[in-house]
Amino acid sequence: MSTMNISLPDSLKAFVDEQVNERGYGTSSEYVRELIRRDRDRTQLRGLLLAGAATVPTRPADAAYFQGLRDRVARTSTNAGKASSTTRSRGKA
């Protein structure tokens, strides 16, 4: 693991120390790593949202669209249940 040193004004150092104590982090490094991970995730999500917003919708996301999604999930769940019961019955033979 690489090391990075940062300089903080006293007020920010006090804030970091407070967050470490209140949120249960073991060290200030753990707290800063978590902040960086969250920022990275936020940046990736923003990129995905912008990419999605730039695409042309293929069909409207209306009630019929969401019902189709529910139906597809229900079929997948039903098929998965059949596959596992078939596997179980084969194991008993």
Protein backbone atom coordinates (compact mmCIF):
# COMPACT_ATOMS: atom_id res chain seq x y z
CA MET A 1 0.00 0.00 0.00
CA SER A 2 1.30 3.44 -0.89
CA THR A 3 1.55 6.28 1.58
CA MET A 4 0.33 9.84 1.07
CA ASN A 5 0.81 12.71 3.49
CA ILE A 6 -1.59 15.64 3.53
CA SER A 7 -1.55 18.94 5.38
CA LEU A 8 -4.76 20.14 7.01
CA PRO A 9 -5.64 23.31 8.88
CA ASP A 10 -6.31 22.68 12.56
CA SER A 11 -10.08 23.01 12.07
CA LEU A 12 -10.16 20.25 9.44
CA LYS A 13 -7.84 18.02 11.49
CA ALA A 14 -10.22 18.43 14.45
CA PHE A 15 -13.17 17.56 12.21
CA VAL A 16 -11.44 14.42 10.91
CA ASP A 17 -10.54 13.34 14.45
CA GLU A 18 -14.15 13.90 15.53
CA GLN A 19 -15.48 11.81 12.61
CA VAL A 20 -13.03 9.01 13.37
CA ASN A 21 -14.21 8.86 16.98
CA GLU A 22 -17.93 9.25 16.29
CA ARG A 23 -18.18 6.90 13.31
CA GLY A 24 -15.99 4.11 14.64
CA TYR A 25 -13.06 4.34 12.26
CA GLY A 26 -9.82 2.96 13.66
CA THR A 27 -7.65 5.68 12.16
CA SER A 28 -7.91 8.88 10.18
CA SER A 29 -6.50 6.94 7.22
CA GLU A 30 -9.53 4.62 7.27
CA TYR A 31 -11.82 7.63 7.28
CA VAL A 32 -10.03 9.31 4.36
CA ARG A 33 -9.97 6.04 2.37
CA GLU A 34 -13.74 5.74 2.85
CA LEU A 35 -14.23 9.32 1.64
CA ILE A 36 -12.13 8.64 -1.45
CA ARG A 37 -14.03 5.40 -2.20
CA ARG A 38 -17.35 7.23 -1.91
CA ASP A 39 -16.14 10.00 -4.18
CA ARG A 40 -14.90 7.46 -6.74
CA ASP A 41 -18.28 5.65 -6.63
CA ARG A 42 -20.14 8.96 -6.96
CA THR A 43 -18.01 9.93 -9.95
CA GLN A 44 -18.62 6.56 -11.64
CA LEU A 45 -22.37 6.79 -10.99
CA ARG A 46 -22.46 10.32 -12.38
CA GLY A 47 -20.71 9.10 -15.52
CA LEU A 48 -23.22 6.29 -15.95
CA LEU A 49 -26.14 8.65 -15.42
CA LEU A 50 -24.78 11.15 -17.95
CA ALA A 51 -24.14 8.37 -20.47
CA GLY A 52 -27.67 7.09 -19.97
CA ALA A 53 -29.14 10.57 -20.31
CA ALA A 54 -27.31 11.01 -23.61
CA THR A 55 -28.84 7.90 -25.17
CA VAL A 56 -32.06 7.92 -27.13
CA PRO A 57 -34.85 6.12 -25.30
CA THR A 58 -36.06 3.06 -27.17
CA ARG A 59 -39.49 3.02 -25.59
CA PRO A 60 -41.26 4.96 -22.84
CA ALA A 61 -40.89 3.83 -19.24
CA ASP A 62 -44.62 3.73 -18.60
CA ALA A 63 -46.84 1.35 -16.63
CA ALA A 64 -46.69 -1.27 -19.39
CA TYR A 65 -42.89 -1.16 -19.40
CA PHE A 66 -42.69 -1.77 -15.64
CA GLN A 67 -45.31 -4.52 -15.81
CA GLY A 68 -43.19 -6.21 -18.47
CA LEU A 69 -40.20 -6.06 -16.12
CA ARG A 70 -42.26 -7.57 -13.29
CA ASP A 71 -43.49 -10.34 -15.60
CA ARG A 72 -39.93 -11.11 -16.73
CA VAL A 73 -38.71 -11.32 -13.13
CA ALA A 74 -41.65 -13.56 -12.20
CA ARG A 75 -40.88 -15.90 -15.13
CA THR A 76 -37.19 -15.99 -14.20
CA SER A 77 -38.02 -16.74 -10.57
CA THR A 78 -40.45 -19.48 -11.56
CA ASN A 79 -37.95 -21.06 -13.95
CA ALA A 80 -35.20 -20.89 -11.32
CA GLY A 81 -37.50 -22.63 -8.83
CA LYS A 82 -38.29 -25.38 -11.32
CA ALA A 83 -34.59 -25.90 -12.08
CA SER A 84 -33.67 -26.21 -8.42
CA SER A 85 -36.53 -28.63 -7.69
CA THR A 86 -35.50 -30.73 -10.70
CA THR A 87 -31.94 -30.79 -9.44
CA ARG A 88 -33.14 -31.80 -5.97
CA SER A 89 -35.35 -34.61 -7.30
CA ARG A 90 -32.48 -35.94 -9.39
CA GLY A 91 -30.26 -35.98 -6.32
CA LYS A 92 -32.79 -38.12 -4.44
CA ALA A 93 -32.96 -40.83 -7.13
